[in-house]
Protein backbone atom coordinates (compact mmCIF):
# COMPACT_ATOMS: atom_id res chain seq x y z
CA UNK A 1 27.20 9.37 -1.37
CA UNK A 2 25.53 7.50 -4.25
CA UNK A 3 21.89 6.77 -3.37
CA UNK A 4 19.51 4.53 -5.31
CA UNK A 5 15.80 4.71 -4.45
CA UNK A 6 13.86 1.65 -5.57
CA UNK A 7 10.39 0.11 -5.69
CA UNK A 8 8.65 -2.52 -7.79
CA UNK A 9 6.83 -0.17 -10.15
CA UNK A 10 5.04 3.15 -10.42
CA UNK A 11 1.52 2.34 -9.29
CA UNK A 12 -0.06 5.54 -10.56
CA UNK A 13 -1.44 8.77 -9.07
CA UNK A 14 -3.26 6.93 -6.27
CA UNK A 15 -0.01 5.62 -4.82
CA UNK A 16 1.33 7.33 -1.72
CA UNK A 17 4.52 5.29 -2.02
CA UNK A 18 5.15 6.69 -5.50
CA UNK A 19 4.74 10.22 -4.16
CA UNK A 20 7.10 9.50 -1.27
CA UNK A 21 9.78 8.16 -3.60
CA UNK A 22 9.48 11.14 -5.95
CA UNK A 23 9.71 13.71 -3.16
CA UNK A 24 12.67 12.00 -1.49
CA UNK A 25 14.51 11.71 -4.81
CA UNK A 26 13.85 15.23 -6.06
CA UNK A 27 14.69 16.83 -2.71
CA UNK A 28 17.92 14.82 -2.40
CA UNK A 29 18.83 15.90 -5.93
CA UNK A 30 18.06 19.54 -5.17
CA UNK A 31 20.29 19.31 -2.10
CA UNK A 32 23.20 18.23 -4.29
CA UNK A 33 23.27 14.47 -3.67
CA UNK A 34 23.99 11.80 -6.31
CA UNK A 35 20.60 10.09 -6.49
CA UNK A 36 18.93 7.75 -8.95
CA UNK A 37 15.68 5.80 -9.09
CA UNK A 38 15.15 2.22 -10.25
CA UNK A 39 11.93 0.27 -10.66
CA UNK A 40 11.77 -3.40 -11.52
CA UNK A 41 8.90 -3.25 -14.00
CA UNK A 42 8.46 -1.00 -16.99
CA UNK A 43 6.57 2.29 -16.77
CA UNK A 44 4.78 4.37 -19.39
CA UNK A 45 6.77 7.19 -20.96
CA UNK A 46 4.04 9.62 -19.91
CA UNK A 47 3.85 8.41 -16.29
CA UNK A 48 3.49 11.56 -14.13
CA UNK A 49 5.97 10.35 -11.50
CA UNK A 50 8.55 9.58 -14.15
CA UNK A 51 7.95 13.01 -15.69
CA UNK A 52 8.55 14.79 -12.38
CA UNK A 53 11.75 12.85 -11.74
CA UNK A 54 13.02 13.54 -15.23
CA UNK A 55 12.24 17.26 -14.93
CA UNK A 56 14.25 17.34 -11.69
CA UNK A 57 17.23 15.72 -13.39
CA UNK A 58 16.92 12.39 -11.54
CA UNK A 59 18.00 9.37 -13.57
CA UNK A 60 15.22 6.75 -13.72
CA UNK A 61 15.83 3.19 -14.93
CA UNK A 62 13.81 0.03 -15.31
CA UNK A 63 15.62 -3.18 -14.37
CA UNK A 64 13.45 -5.75 -16.16
CA UNK A 65 12.28 -3.62 -19.10
CA UNK A 66 9.16 -4.93 -20.81
CA UNK A 67 8.42 -8.58 -20.15
CA UNK A 68 5.62 -11.09 -19.91
CA UNK A 69 6.51 -11.62 -16.25
CA UNK A 70 6.24 -7.91 -15.57
CA UNK A 71 2.81 -7.75 -17.16
CA UNK A 72 1.75 -10.73 -15.07
CA UNK A 73 2.86 -8.93 -11.91
CA UNK A 74 0.83 -5.87 -12.85
CA UNK A 75 -2.19 -8.12 -13.47
CA UNK A 76 -1.73 -9.65 -10.02
CA UNK A 77 -1.59 -6.23 -8.35
CA UNK A 78 -4.86 -5.19 -9.99
CA UNK A 79 -6.73 -8.42 -9.30
CA UNK A 80 -5.67 -9.29 -5.75
CA UNK A 81 -8.06 -6.94 -3.84
CA UNK A 82 -11.07 -8.35 -5.71
CA UNK A 83 -10.47 -12.08 -5.22
CA UNK A 84 -11.68 -14.37 -2.41
CA UNK A 85 -9.04 -15.21 0.19
CA UNK A 86 -8.12 -18.67 -1.15
CA UNK A 87 -7.54 -17.82 -4.84
CA UNK A 88 -5.96 -14.49 -3.83
CA UNK A 89 -3.35 -16.22 -1.69
CA UNK A 90 -2.56 -18.72 -4.44
CA UNK A 91 -2.09 -15.88 -6.93
CA UNK A 92 0.12 -13.96 -4.50
CA UNK A 93 2.29 -17.02 -3.91
CA UNK A 94 2.62 -17.47 -7.66
CA UNK A 95 3.58 -13.81 -8.02
CA UNK A 96 6.29 -14.25 -5.41
CA UNK A 97 7.65 -17.21 -7.32
CA UNK A 98 7.65 -15.18 -10.52
CA UNK A 99 9.51 -12.30 -8.89
CA UNK A 100 12.34 -14.61 -7.81
CA UNK A 101 13.22 -15.00 -11.49
CA UNK A 102 14.52 -11.43 -11.36
CA UNK A 103 16.92 -11.76 -8.42
CA UNK A 104 20.01 -12.25 -10.58
CA UNK A 105 18.97 -9.49 -12.96
CA UNK A 106 18.64 -7.17 -9.94
CA UNK A 107 22.03 -8.25 -8.63
CA UNK A 108 23.76 -7.52 -11.94
CA UNK A 109 22.01 -4.15 -12.24
CA UNK A 110 23.03 -3.11 -8.73
CA UNK A 111 26.62 -4.25 -9.32
CA UNK A 112 26.81 -2.08 -12.46
CA UNK A 113 25.33 0.98 -10.75
CA UNK A 114 27.34 0.43 -7.55
CA UNK A 115 25.39 2.75 -5.24
CA UNK A 116 26.54 3.22 -1.66
CA UNK A 117 23.04 2.47 -0.36
CA UNK A 118 19.75 1.18 -1.77
CA UNK A 119 16.56 2.61 -0.26
CA UNK A 120 13.60 0.28 -0.89
CA UNK A 121 9.90 0.90 -0.19
CA UNK A 122 6.69 -1.17 0.11
CA UNK A 123 6.43 -4.94 0.66
CA UNK A 124 5.59 -6.57 -2.65
CA UNK A 125 7.15 -9.53 -4.48
CA UNK A 126 9.25 -7.25 -6.68
CA UNK A 127 10.82 -5.59 -3.64
CA UNK A 128 11.59 -9.03 -2.15
CA UNK A 129 13.57 -9.83 -5.30
CA UNK A 130 15.38 -6.48 -5.19
CA UNK A 131 16.38 -6.96 -1.54
CA UNK A 132 17.83 -10.38 -2.35
CA UNK A 133 19.64 -9.03 -5.40
CA UNK A 134 21.14 -6.13 -3.44
CA UNK A 135 22.28 -8.45 -0.66
CA UNK A 136 24.00 -10.72 -3.18
CA UNK A 137 25.69 -7.66 -4.69
CA UNK A 138 26.99 -6.66 -1.25
CA UNK A 139 25.19 -3.32 -1.21
CA UNK A 140 23.50 -2.22 2.05
CA UNK A 141 19.72 -1.96 1.92
CA UNK A 142 17.47 0.37 3.88
CA UNK A 143 13.95 -1.04 3.83
CA UNK A 144 11.35 1.67 4.53
CA UNK A 145 7.89 0.52 5.64
CA UNK A 146 5.33 3.07 4.43
CA UNK A 147 2.27 1.35 5.86
CA UNK A 148 1.69 -1.12 8.64
CA UNK A 149 1.63 -4.93 8.75
CA UNK A 150 -1.92 -4.65 10.13
CA UNK A 151 -3.12 -2.43 7.26
CA UNK A 152 -5.20 -4.74 5.05
CA UNK A 153 -5.82 -8.49 5.30
CA UNK A 154 -5.09 -9.01 1.60
CA UNK A 155 -1.51 -7.83 2.17
CA UNK A 156 -0.78 -10.31 4.99
CA UNK A 157 1.10 -12.75 2.77
CA UNK A 158 3.48 -10.00 1.63
CA UNK A 159 4.48 -9.34 5.20
CA UNK A 160 5.00 -13.06 5.74
CA UNK A 161 7.36 -13.03 2.77
CA UNK A 162 8.99 -9.84 3.99
CA UNK A 163 9.96 -11.61 7.21
CA UNK A 164 12.27 -13.84 5.15
CA UNK A 165 14.30 -10.90 3.78
CA UNK A 166 14.33 -8.55 6.78
CA UNK A 167 17.59 -10.14 8.03
CA UNK A 168 19.18 -9.22 4.68
CA UNK A 169 18.58 -5.50 5.26
CA UNK A 170 21.19 -3.26 6.85
CA UNK A 171 18.51 -0.97 8.27
CA UNK A 172 14.75 -0.74 8.76
CA UNK A 173 12.61 2.40 9.00
CA UNK A 174 8.95 3.33 9.43
CA UNK A 175 7.09 6.60 9.16
CA UNK A 176 6.19 7.33 12.79
CA UNK A 177 7.16 6.28 16.32
CA UNK A 178 4.11 4.05 16.85
CA UNK A 179 4.50 2.41 13.44
CA UNK A 180 8.22 1.85 14.08
CA UNK A 181 7.41 0.26 17.44
CA UNK A 182 4.80 -2.01 15.86
CA UNK A 183 7.15 -3.01 13.05
CA UNK A 184 9.94 -3.73 15.54
CA UNK A 185 7.66 -6.01 17.56
CA UNK A 186 6.28 -7.80 14.51
CA UNK A 187 9.67 -8.50 12.94
CA UNK A 188 11.81 -8.52 16.09
CA UNK A 189 14.20 -6.02 14.57
CA UNK A 190 15.20 -2.45 15.46
CA UNK A 191 13.25 0.03 13.34
CA UNK A 192 14.00 3.73 13.11
CA UNK A 193 11.71 6.62 12.29
CA UNK A 194 12.03 8.28 8.89
CA UNK A 195 9.06 10.64 8.39
CA UNK A 196 7.28 11.46 5.20
CA UNK A 197 8.57 14.53 3.45
CA UNK A 198 6.24 16.83 1.53
CA UNK A 199 7.40 19.57 -0.84
CA UNK A 200 7.14 23.03 0.64
CA UNK A 201 4.64 25.49 -0.83
CA UNK A 202 4.85 29.29 -0.73
CA UNK A 203 1.93 30.48 1.32
CA UNK A 204 0.60 32.79 3.97
CA UNK A 205 -1.76 31.21 6.46
CA UNK A 206 -4.89 33.33 6.73
CA UNK A 207 -5.23 35.38 9.89
CA UNK A 208 -9.00 35.72 9.61
CA UNK A 209 -11.86 33.49 8.58
CA UNK A 210 -12.97 33.58 4.97
CA UNK A 211 -16.38 35.21 4.60
CA UNK A 212 -18.15 32.16 3.19
CA UNK A 213 -19.61 28.88 4.26
CA UNK A 214 -17.21 26.09 5.06
CA UNK A 215 -15.81 23.76 2.39
CA UNK A 216 -14.59 20.31 3.42
CA UNK A 217 -12.13 18.36 1.30
CA UNK A 218 -11.23 14.70 0.80
CA UNK A 219 -8.34 13.57 -1.41
CA UNK A 220 -7.51 9.86 -1.42
CA UNK A 221 -8.20 6.63 -3.23
CA UNK A 222 -11.94 5.98 -3.06
CA UNK A 223 -11.96 2.54 -1.49
CA UNK A 224 -13.48 1.01 1.60
CA UNK A 225 -10.41 1.54 3.80
CA UNK A 226 -10.38 5.30 3.20
CA UNK A 227 -13.99 5.75 4.34
CA UNK A 228 -15.46 7.89 1.52
CA UNK A 229 -19.01 6.65 2.18
CA UNK A 230 -18.67 7.40 5.90
CA UNK A 231 -17.70 10.93 4.94
CA UNK A 232 -20.75 11.31 2.71
CA UNK A 233 -23.03 10.07 5.49
CA UNK A 234 -21.50 12.57 7.91
CA UNK A 235 -21.67 15.37 5.36
CA UNK A 236 -25.37 14.70 4.85
CA UNK A 237 -25.90 15.47 8.56
CA UNK A 238 -23.83 18.64 8.31
CA UNK A 239 -25.60 19.74 5.14
CA UNK A 240 -29.01 19.34 6.81
CA UNK A 241 -27.99 21.97 9.37
CA UNK A 242 -25.72 24.22 7.29
CA UNK A 243 -27.16 24.50 3.81
CA UNK A 244 -24.14 26.38 2.46
CA UNK A 245 -21.59 23.75 3.50
CA UNK A 246 -19.87 21.99 0.62
CA UNK A 247 -17.63 18.98 0.08
CA UNK A 248 -14.95 18.51 -2.56
CA UNK A 249 -13.85 14.93 -3.17
CA UNK A 250 -10.72 14.20 -5.20
CA UNK A 251 -9.61 10.71 -6.13
CA UNK A 252 -10.70 7.57 -7.91
CA UNK A 253 -11.09 3.93 -7.00
CA UNK A 254 -13.54 1.06 -6.65
CA UNK A 255 -16.02 3.02 -4.49
CA UNK A 256 -16.11 6.07 -6.76
CA UNK A 257 -19.30 4.99 -8.62
CA UNK A 258 -21.03 4.13 -5.35
CA UNK A 259 -20.07 7.43 -3.75
CA UNK A 260 -21.22 9.39 -6.79
CA UNK A 261 -24.52 7.48 -6.94
CA UNK A 262 -25.16 8.06 -3.22
CA UNK A 263 -24.53 11.80 -3.53
CA UNK A 264 -26.97 12.03 -6.43
CA UNK A 265 -29.63 9.83 -4.85
CA UNK A 266 -29.64 11.81 -1.60
CA UNK A 267 -29.51 15.23 -3.21
CA UNK A 268 -26.00 15.97 -1.96
CA UNK A 269 -24.59 16.54 -5.42
CA UNK A 270 -25.59 20.19 -5.21
CA UNK A 271 -23.07 20.66 -2.42
CA UNK A 272 -20.70 17.81 -3.22
CA UNK A 273 -18.32 17.81 -6.19
CA UNK A 274 -16.16 14.97 -7.52
CA UNK A 275 -13.04 16.13 -9.32
CA UNK A 276 -11.24 12.85 -9.97
CA UNK A 277 -7.54 12.39 -9.27
CA UNK A 278 -5.32 15.43 -9.37
CA UNK A 279 -1.83 15.22 -10.83
CA UNK A 280 1.24 16.95 -9.48
CA UNK A 281 1.97 19.77 -7.05
CA UNK A 282 0.14 22.55 -8.92
CA UNK A 283 -3.21 20.73 -9.01
CA UNK A 284 -2.75 19.60 -5.41
CA UNK A 285 -2.17 23.19 -4.29
CA UNK A 286 -5.22 24.40 -6.22
CA UNK A 287 -7.32 21.77 -4.44
CA UNK A 288 -5.97 22.49 -0.96
CA UNK A 289 -6.40 26.24 -1.35
CA UNK A 290 -10.05 25.72 -2.25
CA UNK A 291 -11.02 24.02 1.02
CA UNK A 292 -11.30 25.06 4.66
CA UNK A 293 -10.98 21.66 6.38
CA UNK A 294 -9.38 18.43 5.19
CA UNK A 295 -11.19 15.22 6.20
CA UNK A 296 -9.83 11.66 6.02
CA UNK A 297 -12.07 9.08 7.80
CA UNK A 298 -9.85 6.03 7.12
CA UNK A 299 -10.51 2.69 8.75
CA UNK A 300 -6.80 1.80 8.58
CA UNK A 301 -3.72 3.81 7.65
CA UNK A 302 0.02 4.07 7.77
CA UNK A 303 0.89 7.74 7.57
CA UNK A 304 -1.13 9.43 4.80
CA UNK A 305 0.63 11.86 2.47
CA UNK A 306 -2.61 13.77 2.02
CA UNK A 307 -2.82 14.83 5.68
CA UNK A 308 0.71 16.24 5.60
CA UNK A 309 -0.03 17.94 2.29
CA UNK A 310 -3.01 19.64 3.95
CA UNK A 311 -0.76 20.69 6.83
CA UNK A 312 1.75 22.18 4.39
CA UNK A 313 -1.04 24.32 2.96
CA UNK A 314 -2.19 25.47 6.39
CA UNK A 315 -5.44 23.48 6.35
CA UNK A 316 -6.88 22.02 9.59
CA UNK A 317 -7.59 18.30 9.67
CA UNK A 318 -10.31 15.93 10.81
CA UNK A 319 -9.20 12.30 10.72
CA UNK A 320 -9.47 8.96 12.47
CA UNK A 321 -7.21 7.73 15.25
CA UNK A 322 -5.66 4.85 13.29
CA UNK A 323 -2.13 3.84 12.28
CA UNK A 324 0.39 6.65 12.30
CA UNK A 325 -2.17 9.47 12.19
CA UNK A 326 -2.05 10.23 15.95
CA UNK A 327 1.74 10.62 15.63
CA UNK A 328 1.36 12.88 12.61
CA UNK A 329 -1.09 15.47 13.93
CA UNK A 330 -1.54 17.36 17.20
CA UNK A 331 -4.67 18.50 19.09
CA UNK A 332 -3.86 22.08 18.12
CA UNK A 333 -4.38 21.39 14.41
CA UNK A 334 -6.58 18.30 14.15
CA UNK A 335 -9.65 16.57 15.54
CA UNK A 336 -9.44 12.78 15.69
CA UNK A 337 -12.48 10.49 15.86
CA UNK A 338 -12.87 6.73 16.09
CA UNK A 339 -12.86 4.90 12.74
CA UNK A 340 -16.36 4.16 11.43
CA UNK A 341 -18.08 6.52 13.90
CA UNK A 342 -20.20 8.61 11.52
CA UNK A 343 -21.89 10.55 14.33
CA UNK A 344 -18.53 11.62 15.81
CA UNK A 345 -17.26 12.54 12.35
CA UNK A 346 -20.32 14.71 11.68
CA UNK A 347 -19.93 16.30 15.12
CA UNK A 348 -16.31 17.25 14.42
CA UNK A 349 -17.28 18.68 11.05
CA UNK A 350 -20.09 20.71 12.65
CA UNK A 351 -17.72 21.99 15.32
CA UNK A 352 -15.32 23.44 12.77
CA UNK A 353 -18.07 24.59 10.44
CA UNK A 354 -19.49 26.75 13.23
CA UNK A 355 -16.14 28.08 14.47
CA UNK A 356 -14.18 29.85 11.72
CA UNK A 357 -11.77 31.43 14.21
CA UNK A 358 -10.76 27.98 15.43
CA UNK A 359 -10.23 26.85 11.85
CA UNK A 360 -7.80 29.69 11.31
CA UNK A 361 -5.87 28.90 14.49
CA UNK A 362 -5.75 25.21 13.61
CA UNK A 363 -4.54 26.00 10.10
CA UNK A 364 -1.72 28.09 11.51
CA UNK A 365 -0.75 25.26 13.90
CA UNK A 366 -0.90 22.74 11.03
CA UNK A 367 1.57 24.76 8.99
CA UNK A 368 3.92 25.14 11.96
CA UNK A 369 3.86 21.40 12.64
CA UNK A 370 4.57 20.67 8.98
CA UNK A 371 7.59 22.98 9.01
CA UNK A 372 8.95 21.39 12.18
CA UNK A 373 8.45 17.72 11.27
CA UNK A 374 7.72 17.07 7.58
CA UNK A 375 9.35 19.79 5.48
CA UNK A 376 12.53 19.13 3.48
CA UNK A 377 14.50 21.22 5.96
CA UNK A 378 13.36 18.93 8.79
CA UNK A 379 13.52 15.53 7.04
CA UNK A 380 16.57 15.67 4.75
CA UNK A 381 19.11 15.67 7.62
CA UNK A 382 17.41 12.62 9.14
CA UNK A 383 17.47 10.84 5.79
CA UNK A 384 21.17 11.50 5.16
CA UNK A 385 22.06 10.50 8.73
CA UNK A 386 20.22 7.20 8.29
CA UNK A 387 22.04 6.49 5.02
CA UNK A 388 25.36 7.12 6.72
CA UNK A 389 24.51 4.80 9.57
CA UNK A 390 23.37 2.05 7.21
CA UNK A 391 26.61 2.29 5.21
CA UNK A 392 28.75 2.55 8.35
CA UNK A 393 29.94 6.10 7.64
CA UNK A 394 28.47 7.53 10.84
CA UNK A 395 30.38 7.02 14.06
């Protein structure tokens, strides 16, 4: 089977969708499948996602190459979150109009490559153009929703536009049962579950607590929706009771300066470190192996890669009960709190800080759940089965 994984562009190290595409592609390649990757807009030659795909022997192509329209689309993606609702919507509508100029280019590209199935991710104007081009080329499309239509208000128009092309797709998928159900209701179309897949890591889950104070970890884009300031407020309460507790924060984003300033102003910087964005599996593993508990206090989510990455490393989780997170974790390996509830978040952190034996048991359960649901061994068969059903090969 010839498989082509596509998205509009590589959005950089903060993008969970980029990571999902890379892991799917490299794992399919390692399993012996004929897989390629195509993006609509040009990427830098030193892009880390491109480098990983190239090292794995996955062919990566850009449909539009360098263009003024492509640069405009990248400008739109950067500016949209910072604009008021009215101008933002006008700019998004203009971006959608721009993307339609590439439909025929996409069609011709897909006809030349002639894959058996095209697997597309994320609802942006570029993906709308690629779905239309694939449909015109007569190639079945699997659209994979990696978030949720209720994720962020500034993305609402993209989901309105997505509604127009959903009927052109041969199959729809989402990352968890609850997200698939929500997507099915929103778009009145059957949606299947295709979980995230995270690369396996060689490890031995510890059987005893480490003889040191607890270290919490956060690794995500530092923006309002991920709750980094809520985490700092909760950590301040923990730190007041456990002086040796520490917090490692990885990531970058619009709230990074504010988070750093708050930590310094409140004296937390002695126990709180900011390491910026890590790149690739080796740096991710180094980060995960340096923490005892992973914390993600998001206000809205789809299914976060970072939680499953923590699970793969045998790290217990504290998170919020939003989006696909309740489907992803279990009570044996995670504590869930309400979004925005700083007191509950601090209480959960204190509970695990004071109970190292429970942390060890939760870490073991996290690794077991990863192996059962999110490892390549678990996910690849589901992925191939879905491709076969979309192309009509499965009975």
